[in-house]
Amino acid sequence: MFHPLRVSAIERITDDAVAVTFAVPAELRETFRHTPGQHLNVRYSVDGAEIRRSYSICAPAVEQPADPVLRVGIRGVEGGAFSTYALKELAVGDQVEAMPPMGRFVLRPRPGLFAAVVGGSGITPVLSIAATLLAREPKARFCLIRSDRTAASTMFLDEVADLKDRYPDRFQLVTALSREEQSAGLPSGRLDTERLTALLPAMLSVPDVDGWFLCGPFGLVRGAEQALRALGVDRSRVHQEIFHVDDAPADAPAAARVTAPSDSTLTATLHGRSGSWPVQEAESLLETVLRSRSDAPYACKGGVCGTCRAFLVSGEVRMDRNFALEPEETDAGFVLACQSHPLTPEVELDFDR
């Protein structure tokens, strides 16, 4: 369900990125209290067209009685309708509709050693994770490895520097710039699998890390995942959130994408109400639901945000892409409706689980 939120502050943090803060009405404070690492799905009408996007919350999570702080980072994307609008036209006092915070790329504060490998705007949810963890848990440590193009394009420089100054013994920061030399720190260049495989053991005791958080473009996240696998890290300790997937292949091979039955029926349960509809040729199961239920949850439609996550009650489907669900979730029967197509004449989804 979407709620109108008023923009209370907009801060330019790089030439192509802003931080937007939303005011939370008193009656919605508990609804919008977030867990570190979660995101907001927002919608806005631009030139009469509804636009939905997902943006991670960068502010630390707070507990009662403190009021929740909803601050998101938005980087401009070439051709991006909402990001262009946010950078050029969005103003304090404007209203934007948002769903309550959601997402499973989270860390609830607990003792231990945690680490993150992030690229570009991937710092946004990890900033909330690290700041909340270090403030609430004195027995926790955090190591941040971040990659950016240049120093000028680096989001949340001041906030990360503040963590380093505030927690010098518990927060470790390593920065790599791919297009600019630094006076100190790592040589310039991308953080690929080979480089990370050598770098990570030199920085910290890899076996002692209780949780890894990988966030950013597809190439960086997959490279970091492969490096951790080569270093013997158990998959259960690795958490991922991919922001950009333009260069990512579809999960389903071409041969599998032509095996759908000529006519299928989808039954779906949403907000306690069920319905059945025919699946039209080539459409996703999310598109099938949206033809009759405009309240079906979605944001990116690219298999990234996980907003359209649903439980597969019966039947079989194939997913073109999956960058949001963990293996444990798919093993348990969850799918992304925006990427799912029927493989059987009858398919049933439950969006309420």
Protein backbone atom coordinates (compact mmCIF):
# COMPACT_ATOMS: atom_id res chain seq x y z
CA MET A 1 0.00 0.00 0.00
CA PHE A 2 1.30 3.44 -0.92
CA HIS A 3 1.22 6.46 1.40
CA PRO A 4 1.87 10.11 0.49
CA LEU A 5 5.08 11.49 2.01
CA ARG A 6 6.27 15.08 1.86
CA VAL A 7 9.83 15.87 0.79
CA SER A 8 11.43 17.68 3.74
CA ALA A 9 15.00 18.06 2.46
CA ILE A 10 17.06 17.59 -0.70
CA GLU A 11 20.86 17.62 -0.54
CA ARG A 12 23.18 17.50 -3.54
CA ILE A 13 25.90 14.99 -2.60
CA THR A 14 27.69 14.69 -5.97
CA ASP A 15 27.23 16.27 -9.37
CA ASP A 16 24.86 13.44 -10.32
CA ALA A 17 23.33 12.35 -7.00
CA VAL A 18 21.05 13.70 -4.30
CA ALA A 19 19.90 12.60 -0.87
CA VAL A 20 16.16 13.06 -0.37
CA THR A 21 14.56 13.09 3.07
CA PHE A 22 10.85 12.45 3.58
CA ALA A 23 8.77 13.66 6.50
CA VAL A 24 6.83 10.85 8.18
CA PRO A 25 3.37 11.75 9.57
CA ALA A 26 2.81 10.82 13.21
CA GLU A 27 0.22 8.18 12.33
CA LEU A 28 2.70 6.40 10.01
CA ARG A 29 5.79 6.40 12.21
CA GLU A 30 5.65 2.69 13.02
CA THR A 31 4.70 1.82 9.43
CA PHE A 32 7.85 3.51 8.13
CA ARG A 33 10.31 2.39 10.82
CA HIS A 34 12.97 0.56 8.79
CA THR A 35 15.49 -2.21 9.37
CA PRO A 36 19.06 -1.29 8.32
CA GLY A 37 19.51 -2.15 4.63
CA GLN A 38 15.87 -1.86 3.53
CA HIS A 39 14.57 0.26 0.65
CA LEU A 40 11.57 2.37 -0.28
CA ASN A 41 9.45 1.77 -3.35
CA VAL A 42 8.22 5.13 -4.57
CA ARG A 43 5.83 6.18 -7.31
CA TYR A 44 5.19 9.49 -8.97
CA SER A 45 3.37 10.71 -12.06
CA VAL A 46 5.51 12.47 -14.64
CA ASP A 47 3.74 13.80 -17.73
CA GLY A 48 0.73 11.64 -16.86
CA ALA A 49 2.71 8.40 -16.64
CA GLU A 50 3.13 6.50 -13.38
CA ILE A 51 6.77 5.81 -12.51
CA ARG A 52 7.86 3.37 -9.81
CA ARG A 53 11.38 3.04 -8.54
CA SER A 54 13.18 1.47 -5.57
CA TYR A 55 15.71 3.46 -3.51
CA SER A 56 17.68 2.27 -0.50
CA ILE A 57 17.44 4.07 2.82
CA CYS A 58 20.80 5.50 3.88
CA ALA A 59 19.81 6.83 7.32
CA PRO A 60 20.52 4.78 10.44
CA ALA A 61 17.55 2.89 11.83
CA VAL A 62 16.15 4.28 15.07
CA GLU A 63 14.01 2.70 17.74
CA GLN A 64 11.09 4.06 19.72
CA PRO A 65 10.52 6.70 20.94
CA ALA A 66 12.68 8.38 18.28
CA ASP A 67 10.96 9.33 15.03
CA PRO A 68 12.03 7.32 11.97
CA VAL A 69 14.31 9.08 9.49
CA LEU A 70 13.63 8.31 5.84
CA ARG A 71 16.56 9.48 3.73
CA VAL A 72 17.34 7.85 0.39
CA GLY A 73 20.18 8.25 -2.07
CA ILE A 74 19.28 8.81 -5.72
CA ARG A 75 21.92 8.76 -8.45
CA GLY A 76 21.08 10.00 -11.92
CA VAL A 77 20.78 7.28 -14.55
CA GLU A 78 20.96 8.10 -18.25
CA GLY A 79 17.39 8.03 -19.51
CA GLY A 80 16.08 7.40 -15.99
CA ALA A 81 12.70 9.10 -15.70
CA PHE A 82 12.50 9.36 -11.91
CA SER A 83 16.19 9.99 -11.21
CA THR A 84 16.24 12.79 -13.79
CA TYR A 85 13.13 14.26 -12.20
CA ALA A 86 14.61 13.96 -8.70
CA LEU A 87 17.82 15.72 -9.70
CA LYS A 88 16.25 18.51 -11.74
CA GLU A 89 12.70 19.17 -10.56
CA LEU A 90 11.84 17.54 -7.24
CA ALA A 91 11.55 20.21 -4.54
CA VAL A 92 11.04 20.47 -0.79
CA GLY A 93 7.32 20.35 -0.09
CA ASP A 94 6.50 18.03 -3.00
CA GLN A 95 4.62 14.83 -2.26
CA VAL A 96 5.79 11.39 -3.35
CA GLU A 97 3.91 8.17 -2.68
CA ALA A 98 5.87 5.38 -1.00
CA MET A 99 5.32 1.85 0.22
CA PRO A 100 6.53 0.91 3.72
CA PRO A 101 10.22 -0.09 3.90
CA MET A 102 10.93 -3.58 2.60
CA GLY A 103 13.78 -5.84 1.54
CA ARG A 104 15.86 -8.67 2.97
CA PHE A 105 19.33 -7.22 2.43
CA VAL A 106 19.46 -6.39 6.13
CA LEU A 107 21.57 -6.73 9.24
CA ARG A 108 19.97 -6.50 12.66
CA PRO A 109 22.66 -5.31 15.10
CA ARG A 110 24.54 -8.08 16.88
CA PRO A 111 28.11 -8.70 18.04
CA GLY A 112 30.63 -9.85 15.46
CA LEU A 113 32.78 -8.84 12.52
CA PHE A 114 30.99 -7.80 9.34
CA ALA A 115 32.26 -6.65 5.97
CA ALA A 116 30.89 -5.09 2.81
CA VAL A 117 32.09 -4.73 -0.77
CA VAL A 118 30.19 -1.96 -2.53
CA GLY A 119 30.36 -0.05 -5.77
CA GLY A 120 28.92 3.37 -6.59
CA SER A 121 25.44 3.88 -5.18
CA GLY A 122 25.73 0.46 -3.53
CA ILE A 123 27.02 2.37 -0.50
CA THR A 124 23.46 3.58 0.24
CA PRO A 125 22.00 0.59 2.16
CA VAL A 126 25.39 -0.36 3.59
CA LEU A 127 25.76 3.10 5.12
CA SER A 128 22.56 2.48 7.10
CA ILE A 129 23.74 -1.02 8.04
CA ALA A 130 27.18 0.09 9.26
CA ALA A 131 26.02 3.23 11.08
CA THR A 132 23.24 1.39 12.92
CA LEU A 133 25.43 -1.56 13.83
CA LEU A 134 28.29 0.50 15.23
CA ALA A 135 25.98 2.80 17.20
CA ARG A 136 23.94 0.04 18.81
CA GLU A 137 26.41 -2.80 19.30
CA PRO A 138 29.73 -1.96 21.04
CA LYS A 139 31.05 -5.48 20.36
CA ALA A 140 30.62 -5.20 16.59
CA ARG A 141 33.22 -4.27 13.97
CA PHE A 142 32.70 -3.34 10.33
CA CYS A 143 35.03 -3.35 7.33
CA LEU A 144 33.95 -1.38 4.25
CA ILE A 145 35.61 -1.89 0.86
CA ARG A 146 34.17 0.58 -1.61
CA SER A 147 34.80 1.19 -5.30
CA ASP A 148 33.98 4.39 -7.18
CA ARG A 149 35.00 6.02 -10.45
CA THR A 150 36.52 9.18 -8.95
CA ALA A 151 36.59 10.97 -5.61
CA ALA A 152 34.14 13.56 -6.95
CA SER A 153 31.60 10.86 -7.87
CA THR A 154 31.75 9.15 -4.46
CA MET A 155 28.42 9.29 -2.63
CA PHE A 156 28.22 9.98 1.12
CA LEU A 157 31.88 10.86 1.58
CA ASP A 158 31.21 12.91 4.71
CA GLU A 159 29.00 10.29 6.33
CA VAL A 160 31.57 7.53 5.82
CA ALA A 161 34.38 9.79 7.06
CA ASP A 162 32.30 10.50 10.17
CA LEU A 163 32.04 6.76 10.89
CA LYS A 164 35.80 6.43 10.57
CA ASP A 165 36.36 9.33 13.01
CA ARG A 166 33.70 8.17 15.46
CA TYR A 167 34.69 4.48 15.57
CA PRO A 168 38.43 4.36 14.73
CA ASP A 169 38.94 0.98 16.41
CA ARG A 170 35.82 -0.68 15.02
CA PHE A 171 35.39 0.71 11.50
CA GLN A 172 37.87 -0.06 8.73
CA LEU A 173 37.66 1.69 5.36
CA VAL A 174 39.40 0.86 2.10
CA THR A 175 38.65 2.86 -1.06
CA ALA A 176 39.47 1.99 -4.66
CA LEU A 177 39.00 4.44 -7.54
CA SER A 178 38.75 2.97 -11.02
CA ARG A 179 39.50 6.15 -13.00
CA GLU A 180 41.66 8.22 -10.69
CA GLU A 181 44.91 7.75 -8.76
CA GLN A 182 44.88 8.30 -5.00
CA SER A 183 47.67 9.83 -2.94
CA ALA A 184 47.18 6.99 -0.46
CA GLY A 185 45.38 3.67 -0.46
CA LEU A 186 44.86 1.22 -3.28
CA PRO A 187 46.18 1.78 -6.81
CA SER A 188 43.51 2.74 -9.34
CA GLY A 189 41.59 0.01 -11.14
CA ARG A 190 38.45 -2.07 -10.86
CA LEU A 191 37.85 -4.47 -8.00
CA ASP A 192 37.50 -7.67 -10.00
CA THR A 193 37.56 -11.27 -8.78
CA GLU A 194 41.33 -11.68 -9.00
CA ARG A 195 42.05 -8.45 -7.19
CA LEU A 196 39.53 -9.10 -4.42
CA THR A 197 40.76 -12.66 -3.90
CA ALA A 198 44.19 -11.22 -3.09
CA LEU A 199 42.99 -8.10 -1.26
CA LEU A 200 40.45 -9.47 1.20
CA PRO A 201 42.78 -11.85 3.14
CA ALA A 202 45.35 -9.06 3.36
CA MET A 203 42.83 -6.77 5.03
CA LEU A 204 41.06 -9.01 7.51
CA SER A 205 40.66 -12.59 8.68
CA VAL A 206 38.17 -13.84 6.11
CA PRO A 207 37.06 -16.94 8.12
CA ASP A 208 36.16 -14.70 11.09
CA VAL A 209 33.70 -12.51 9.17
CA ASP A 210 30.16 -13.24 10.36
CA GLY A 211 28.42 -11.65 7.38
CA TRP A 212 29.37 -10.23 3.97
CA PHE A 213 27.24 -7.60 2.24
CA LEU A 214 27.80 -7.12 -1.49
CA CYS A 215 26.01 -4.25 -3.19
CA GLY A 216 26.33 -2.38 -6.46
CA PRO A 217 26.60 -3.15 -10.17
CA PHE A 218 26.24 -6.72 -11.40
CA GLY A 219 29.91 -7.11 -12.35
CA LEU A 220 31.25 -6.01 -8.97
CA VAL A 221 28.82 -8.12 -6.96
CA ARG A 222 29.41 -11.25 -9.01
CA GLY A 223 33.17 -10.70 -8.88
CA ALA A 224 33.09 -10.33 -5.11
CA GLU A 225 30.89 -13.41 -4.77
CA GLN A 226 33.34 -15.47 -6.82
CA ALA A 227 36.25 -14.19 -4.76
CA LEU A 228 34.55 -15.18 -1.51
CA ARG A 229 33.73 -18.59 -2.92
CA ALA A 230 37.40 -19.06 -3.85
CA LEU A 231 38.34 -18.07 -0.30
CA GLY A 232 36.06 -20.75 1.16
CA VAL A 233 33.33 -18.48 2.55
CA ASP A 234 30.06 -20.31 3.21
CA ARG A 235 27.20 -19.13 1.00
CA SER A 236 24.97 -18.54 4.04
CA ARG A 237 27.25 -15.69 5.16
CA VAL A 238 27.02 -13.78 1.86
CA HIS A 239 24.19 -11.33 1.17
CA GLN A 240 23.74 -9.54 -2.15
CA GLU A 241 21.84 -6.64 -3.62
CA ILE A 242 22.42 -5.74 -7.26
CA PHE A 243 21.61 -2.22 -8.46
CA HIS A 244 22.49 -2.34 -12.16
CA VAL A 245 21.97 -5.39 -14.39
CA ASP A 246 22.33 -4.04 -17.92
CA ASP A 247 25.28 -6.33 -18.61
CA ALA A 248 23.79 -9.36 -16.84
CA PRO A 249 22.60 -12.40 -18.80
CA ALA A 250 19.15 -13.85 -18.30
CA ASP A 251 19.03 -16.86 -16.00
CA ALA A 252 16.88 -18.94 -18.33
CA PRO A 253 18.62 -20.26 -21.48
CA ALA A 254 17.08 -19.39 -24.83
CA ALA A 255 15.73 -22.91 -25.31
CA ALA A 256 13.78 -22.72 -22.06
CA ARG A 257 12.13 -19.47 -23.04
CA VAL A 258 9.94 -21.14 -25.69
CA THR A 259 8.49 -24.01 -23.66
CA ALA A 260 5.48 -22.22 -22.14
CA PRO A 261 2.09 -23.81 -22.88
CA SER A 262 -0.07 -22.04 -25.46
CA ASP A 263 -2.70 -21.23 -22.85
CA SER A 264 -2.34 -21.11 -19.08
CA THR A 265 -4.42 -19.86 -16.19
CA LEU A 266 -3.00 -18.02 -13.20
CA THR A 267 -4.71 -18.04 -9.81
CA ALA A 268 -3.31 -15.47 -7.40
CA THR A 269 -4.02 -14.43 -3.82
CA LEU A 270 -3.34 -10.79 -2.97
CA HIS A 271 -4.39 -8.90 0.18
CA GLY A 272 -6.65 -11.81 1.13
CA ARG A 273 -8.57 -11.92 -2.17
CA SER A 274 -8.08 -14.53 -4.90
CA GLY A 275 -8.77 -14.44 -8.61
CA SER A 276 -8.02 -16.43 -11.76
CA TRP A 277 -7.05 -15.03 -15.16
CA PRO A 278 -5.74 -16.35 -18.49
CA VAL A 279 -2.06 -15.67 -19.13
CA GLN A 280 -1.59 -13.87 -22.42
CA GLU A 281 1.22 -14.78 -24.78
CA ALA A 282 4.69 -13.67 -23.63
CA GLU A 283 3.47 -11.72 -20.60
CA SER A 284 4.88 -12.25 -17.13
CA LEU A 285 2.69 -13.45 -14.28
CA LEU A 286 2.92 -9.98 -12.75
CA GLU A 287 1.51 -8.48 -15.95
CA THR A 288 -1.31 -11.02 -15.84
CA VAL A 289 -2.28 -9.94 -12.32
CA LEU A 290 -1.93 -6.22 -13.10
CA ARG A 291 -4.52 -6.45 -15.86
CA SER A 292 -7.16 -7.01 -13.16
CA ARG A 293 -5.47 -5.99 -9.90
CA SER A 294 -3.69 -2.63 -10.01
CA ASP A 295 -2.67 -3.14 -6.36
CA ALA A 296 -0.22 -5.93 -7.25
CA PRO A 297 3.18 -5.08 -5.72
CA TYR A 298 6.07 -4.17 -8.01
CA ALA A 299 8.73 -1.53 -8.55
CA CYS A 300 11.60 -2.29 -10.94
CA LYS A 301 10.10 -5.09 -13.09
CA GLY A 302 13.69 -6.15 -13.71
CA GLY A 303 14.15 -8.93 -11.15
CA VAL A 304 16.20 -6.67 -8.87
CA CYS A 305 14.12 -5.19 -6.04
CA GLY A 306 12.12 -8.25 -4.95
CA THR A 307 8.90 -6.26 -4.44
CA CYS A 308 6.85 -8.73 -6.50
CA ARG A 309 8.05 -11.77 -4.51
CA ALA A 310 5.33 -14.44 -4.33
CA PHE A 311 5.00 -18.03 -3.16
CA LEU A 312 4.45 -20.64 -5.86
CA VAL A 313 1.56 -22.67 -4.45
CA SER A 314 1.22 -25.02 -7.42
CA GLY A 315 2.35 -25.46 -10.99
CA GLU A 316 5.73 -24.70 -12.51
CA VAL A 317 7.27 -21.46 -13.77
CA ARG A 318 10.57 -20.28 -15.19
CA MET A 319 12.23 -17.02 -14.20
CA ASP A 320 14.13 -15.05 -16.81
CA ARG A 321 16.21 -13.26 -14.17
CA ASN A 322 16.62 -13.35 -10.42
CA PHE A 323 18.82 -10.80 -8.66
CA ALA A 324 16.66 -10.40 -5.56
CA LEU A 325 15.89 -13.80 -4.04
CA GLU A 326 18.41 -15.77 -2.02
CA PRO A 327 18.84 -19.49 -2.86
CA GLU A 328 17.05 -20.40 0.37
CA GLU A 329 14.01 -18.44 -0.82
CA THR A 330 13.83 -20.06 -4.24
CA ASP A 331 14.37 -23.47 -2.62
CA ALA A 332 11.42 -22.69 -0.32
CA GLY A 333 9.19 -21.97 -3.34
CA PHE A 334 9.33 -18.20 -3.77
CA VAL A 335 9.53 -16.59 -7.22
CA LEU A 336 9.63 -13.11 -8.73
CA ALA A 337 6.31 -12.55 -10.48
CA CYS A 338 7.79 -9.95 -12.84
CA GLN A 339 10.21 -12.53 -14.25
CA SER A 340 8.01 -15.64 -14.07
CA HIS A 341 6.27 -17.37 -16.99
CA PRO A 342 4.07 -20.49 -16.76
CA LEU A 343 5.41 -23.92 -17.70
CA THR A 344 2.17 -25.71 -16.79
CA PRO A 345 -1.48 -25.05 -17.75
CA GLU A 346 -2.35 -24.10 -14.17
CA VAL A 347 -0.21 -21.89 -11.89
CA GLU A 348 -1.08 -20.51 -8.47
CA LEU A 349 0.75 -17.71 -6.64
CA ASP A 350 0.29 -16.30 -3.14
CA PHE A 351 1.56 -12.72 -2.69
CA ASP A 352 0.53 -12.66 0.98
CA ARG A 353 3.05 -15.16 2.34
